[in-house]
Amino acid sequence: MSDEDATTVPAGDFGPPEDGLQRLWTPHRMVYIGGQDKPADGTVGQCPFCRIPAGDDEQGLVVARGAECYALLNLYPYNSGHLMVLPYRHVSDYVDLTDSETAELAAMTQTAVRTLGAVYSPAGYNIGMNQGEVAGAGIAAHLHQHVVPRWLGDANFLPVAGQTKALPELLADTRARLAAAWPSGAGSTSEGGR
């Protein structure tokens, strides 16, 4: 095509056709979709859930620490307040947890629900684990239980229809609110190291 054949086309002609939908463009999500920072393999050395407890709680989004388990915010949350409760030990299967890890995981999950209820007043929760990559676990090598607060009318289908998630609060602010509200007597310390 020569310069003589080139024509100028208005920028407005390049978008999707008019369909009545408003679009929320979230190019920052490409990091997650592209797998940036996803572990190259299932080893302890590659596992972010093994590295996070050795670092700063605010930087790692750690909300609370127990003797064998800890709670942190999901870096790619489904909803504001989306917590994960997991053992410090690098274990992938629920049946491989020790009795004391199982008990603390359950107790911290209950505390997570109580704390989310006190801070955000959700109408309900999704609580569960995805065992294995085929079941949807993003990091299958290190067991983690999701605690997702839910509200009537939340953006349940927005990720499906618009492939985006609207979150009204920054993760650092969510972490600070939940860490401050987490009861210190609930088998955890919300600040400092293990």
Protein backbone atom coordinates (compact mmCIF):
# COMPACT_ATOMS: atom_id res chain seq x y z
CA MET A 1 0.00 0.00 0.00
CA SER A 2 1.46 3.36 -0.97
CA ASP A 3 1.14 6.63 0.92
CA GLU A 4 -1.25 7.76 -1.83
CA ASP A 5 -3.68 4.94 -0.92
CA ALA A 6 -3.58 5.63 2.83
CA THR A 7 -6.55 7.37 4.37
CA THR A 8 -7.04 8.75 7.82
CA VAL A 9 -9.66 6.90 9.83
CA PRO A 10 -11.13 8.52 12.95
CA ALA A 11 -10.08 6.79 16.19
CA GLY A 12 -13.73 6.29 17.13
CA ASP A 13 -14.09 3.88 14.21
CA PHE A 14 -11.74 1.35 15.82
CA GLY A 15 -13.77 0.30 18.87
CA PRO A 16 -16.37 -2.43 19.13
CA PRO A 17 -19.69 -1.77 17.42
CA GLU A 18 -22.29 0.12 19.40
CA ASP A 19 -24.05 -2.43 21.57
CA GLY A 20 -25.15 -0.46 24.63
CA LEU A 21 -22.48 -1.96 26.91
CA GLN A 22 -20.00 0.09 28.88
CA ARG A 23 -16.55 -1.45 29.00
CA LEU A 24 -14.12 -1.45 31.88
CA TRP A 25 -10.63 -1.86 30.48
CA THR A 26 -8.30 -3.59 32.95
CA PRO A 27 -4.98 -4.13 31.20
CA HIS A 28 -3.26 -4.76 34.56
CA ARG A 29 -5.07 -8.13 34.64
CA MET A 30 -2.86 -9.35 31.77
CA VAL A 31 -0.15 -9.97 34.38
CA TYR A 32 -2.37 -12.61 35.99
CA ILE A 33 -3.66 -14.01 32.72
CA GLY A 34 -0.13 -14.24 31.34
CA GLY A 35 1.08 -16.10 34.43
CA GLN A 36 3.67 -13.54 35.55
CA ASP A 37 5.18 -14.57 38.91
CA LYS A 38 3.43 -17.96 38.74
CA PRO A 39 5.74 -20.67 40.10
CA ALA A 40 7.72 -22.47 37.39
CA ASP A 41 7.18 -25.74 39.25
CA GLY A 42 5.73 -27.12 42.50
CA THR A 43 8.92 -26.99 44.59
CA VAL A 44 9.31 -25.14 47.88
CA GLY A 45 11.85 -22.80 46.27
CA GLN A 46 9.32 -21.66 43.66
CA CYS A 47 6.33 -21.42 46.03
CA PRO A 48 5.19 -17.89 46.95
CA PHE A 49 3.19 -19.30 49.88
CA CYS A 50 6.47 -20.60 51.34
CA ARG A 51 8.32 -17.30 50.73
CA ILE A 52 5.64 -14.90 52.00
CA PRO A 53 5.82 -15.82 55.71
CA ALA A 54 9.55 -14.96 55.80
CA GLY A 55 8.85 -11.40 54.62
CA ASP A 56 6.98 -8.33 55.78
CA ASP A 57 3.28 -8.84 56.58
CA GLU A 58 2.14 -5.70 54.77
CA GLN A 59 4.19 -6.49 51.65
CA GLY A 60 2.97 -10.12 51.64
CA LEU A 61 -0.65 -9.12 52.44
CA VAL A 62 -0.54 -11.34 55.56
CA VAL A 63 -3.52 -10.61 57.80
CA ALA A 64 -2.83 -13.01 60.68
CA ARG A 65 -0.36 -15.68 61.77
CA GLY A 66 -0.91 -18.79 63.84
CA ALA A 67 1.48 -21.47 65.03
CA GLU A 68 1.07 -23.68 61.93
CA CYS A 69 -1.14 -21.67 59.57
CA TYR A 70 -1.56 -18.10 58.41
CA ALA A 71 -4.15 -15.96 56.61
CA LEU A 72 -3.46 -13.59 53.75
CA LEU A 73 -5.32 -11.68 51.09
CA ASN A 74 -5.61 -13.15 47.62
CA LEU A 75 -3.47 -11.06 45.27
CA TYR A 76 -6.11 -11.57 42.55
CA PRO A 77 -9.30 -11.39 44.64
CA TYR A 78 -12.75 -12.46 43.58
CA ASN A 79 -14.22 -9.83 45.93
CA SER A 80 -12.83 -7.33 48.41
CA GLY A 81 -11.72 -9.18 51.53
CA HIS A 82 -10.98 -12.44 49.67
CA LEU A 83 -8.79 -14.26 52.19
CA MET A 84 -6.85 -17.50 52.01
CA VAL A 85 -5.95 -19.63 55.02
CA LEU A 86 -3.05 -22.02 54.57
CA PRO A 87 -0.41 -24.01 56.42
CA TYR A 88 3.17 -22.77 56.57
CA ARG A 89 4.25 -26.26 55.57
CA HIS A 90 4.47 -26.95 51.84
CA VAL A 91 1.76 -29.58 51.42
CA SER A 92 -0.62 -30.00 48.49
CA ASP A 93 -3.29 -32.42 49.71
CA TYR A 94 -5.79 -31.82 52.48
CA VAL A 95 -5.44 -35.41 53.68
CA ASP A 96 -1.70 -34.82 54.25
CA LEU A 97 -2.24 -32.12 56.87
CA THR A 98 -1.40 -33.08 60.44
CA ASP A 99 -4.22 -33.13 62.98
CA SER A 100 -2.94 -29.88 64.51
CA GLU A 101 -2.66 -28.19 61.08
CA THR A 102 -6.20 -29.29 60.24
CA ALA A 103 -7.52 -27.92 63.54
CA GLU A 104 -5.74 -24.59 63.17
CA LEU A 105 -6.78 -24.22 59.51
CA ALA A 106 -10.41 -24.74 60.56
CA ALA A 107 -10.14 -22.36 63.53
CA MET A 108 -8.47 -19.65 61.43
CA THR A 109 -11.14 -20.07 58.75
CA GLN A 110 -13.82 -19.47 61.40
CA THR A 111 -11.92 -16.41 62.63
CA ALA A 112 -11.63 -15.18 59.04
CA VAL A 113 -15.42 -15.41 58.64
CA ARG A 114 -16.00 -13.60 61.96
CA THR A 115 -13.48 -10.89 61.10
CA LEU A 116 -14.85 -10.35 57.60
CA GLY A 117 -18.34 -10.17 59.11
CA ALA A 118 -17.27 -7.52 61.62
CA VAL A 119 -15.42 -5.40 59.05
CA TYR A 120 -17.50 -5.77 55.86
CA SER A 121 -20.89 -7.27 56.84
CA PRO A 122 -21.21 -9.60 53.82
CA ALA A 123 -24.48 -11.42 53.18
CA GLY A 124 -22.68 -14.77 52.79
CA TYR A 125 -19.41 -16.53 51.97
CA ASN A 126 -17.86 -18.96 49.54
CA ILE A 127 -15.44 -21.17 51.47
CA GLY A 128 -13.44 -23.91 49.84
CA MET A 129 -10.31 -25.44 48.38
CA ASN A 130 -9.40 -26.32 44.84
CA GLN A 131 -7.39 -29.55 45.12
CA GLY A 132 -5.09 -29.85 42.11
CA GLU A 133 -4.62 -27.84 38.96
CA VAL A 134 -7.49 -29.64 37.20
CA ALA A 135 -9.82 -28.43 39.99
CA GLY A 136 -8.79 -24.81 39.46
CA ALA A 137 -5.96 -24.37 41.97
CA GLY A 138 -3.72 -21.56 40.72
CA ILE A 139 -0.92 -22.81 42.97
CA ALA A 140 -1.70 -26.49 43.36
CA ALA A 141 1.50 -27.43 45.20
CA HIS A 142 0.59 -25.51 48.38
CA LEU A 143 -2.84 -26.12 49.88
CA HIS A 144 -4.91 -23.01 50.57
CA GLN A 145 -8.51 -22.47 51.60
CA HIS A 146 -10.41 -19.55 50.10
CA VAL A 147 -12.78 -17.43 52.19
CA VAL A 148 -14.68 -15.11 49.84
CA PRO A 149 -17.21 -12.64 51.23
CA ARG A 150 -20.34 -12.22 49.10
CA TRP A 151 -23.00 -9.51 48.92
CA LEU A 152 -26.37 -9.42 47.21
CA GLY A 153 -25.82 -7.75 43.86
CA ASP A 154 -22.03 -8.09 43.90
CA ALA A 155 -20.35 -8.32 40.51
CA ASN A 156 -20.91 -12.08 40.30
CA PHE A 157 -21.18 -12.31 36.50
CA LEU A 158 -19.02 -9.34 35.58
CA PRO A 159 -15.86 -11.46 35.22
CA VAL A 160 -17.73 -13.80 32.88
CA ALA A 161 -19.40 -11.14 30.76
CA GLY A 162 -16.79 -8.39 30.95
CA GLN A 163 -13.68 -10.36 31.91
CA THR A 164 -12.95 -7.82 34.62
CA LYS A 165 -13.43 -7.39 38.34
CA ALA A 166 -14.32 -4.11 40.01
CA LEU A 167 -12.91 -3.82 43.54
CA PRO A 168 -13.75 -0.76 45.63
CA GLU A 169 -10.74 -0.88 47.96
CA LEU A 170 -6.96 -1.21 47.56
CA LEU A 171 -5.46 -4.48 48.84
CA ALA A 172 -3.21 -2.60 51.30
CA ASP A 173 -6.26 -0.90 52.83
CA THR A 174 -8.18 -4.19 53.02
CA ARG A 175 -5.20 -5.90 54.68
CA ALA A 176 -4.84 -3.10 57.25
CA ARG A 177 -8.55 -3.20 58.16
CA LEU A 178 -8.68 -6.98 58.53
CA ALA A 179 -5.37 -7.24 60.40
CA ALA A 180 -6.53 -4.58 62.87
CA ALA A 181 -9.84 -6.39 63.43
CA TRP A 182 -8.39 -9.92 63.69
CA PRO A 183 -8.66 -10.96 67.35
CA SER A 184 -5.21 -11.36 68.91
CA GLY A 185 -6.40 -14.24 71.08
CA ALA A 186 -7.46 -16.30 68.05
CA GLY A 187 -4.21 -18.26 67.83
CA SER A 188 -2.48 -15.62 65.79
CA THR A 189 -0.43 -12.49 65.79
CA SER A 190 -1.42 -9.95 63.19
CA GLU A 191 1.91 -8.17 63.11
CA GLY A 192 5.52 -9.26 63.07
CA GLY A 193 7.15 -12.57 62.31
CA ARG A 194 6.27 -16.17 62.98
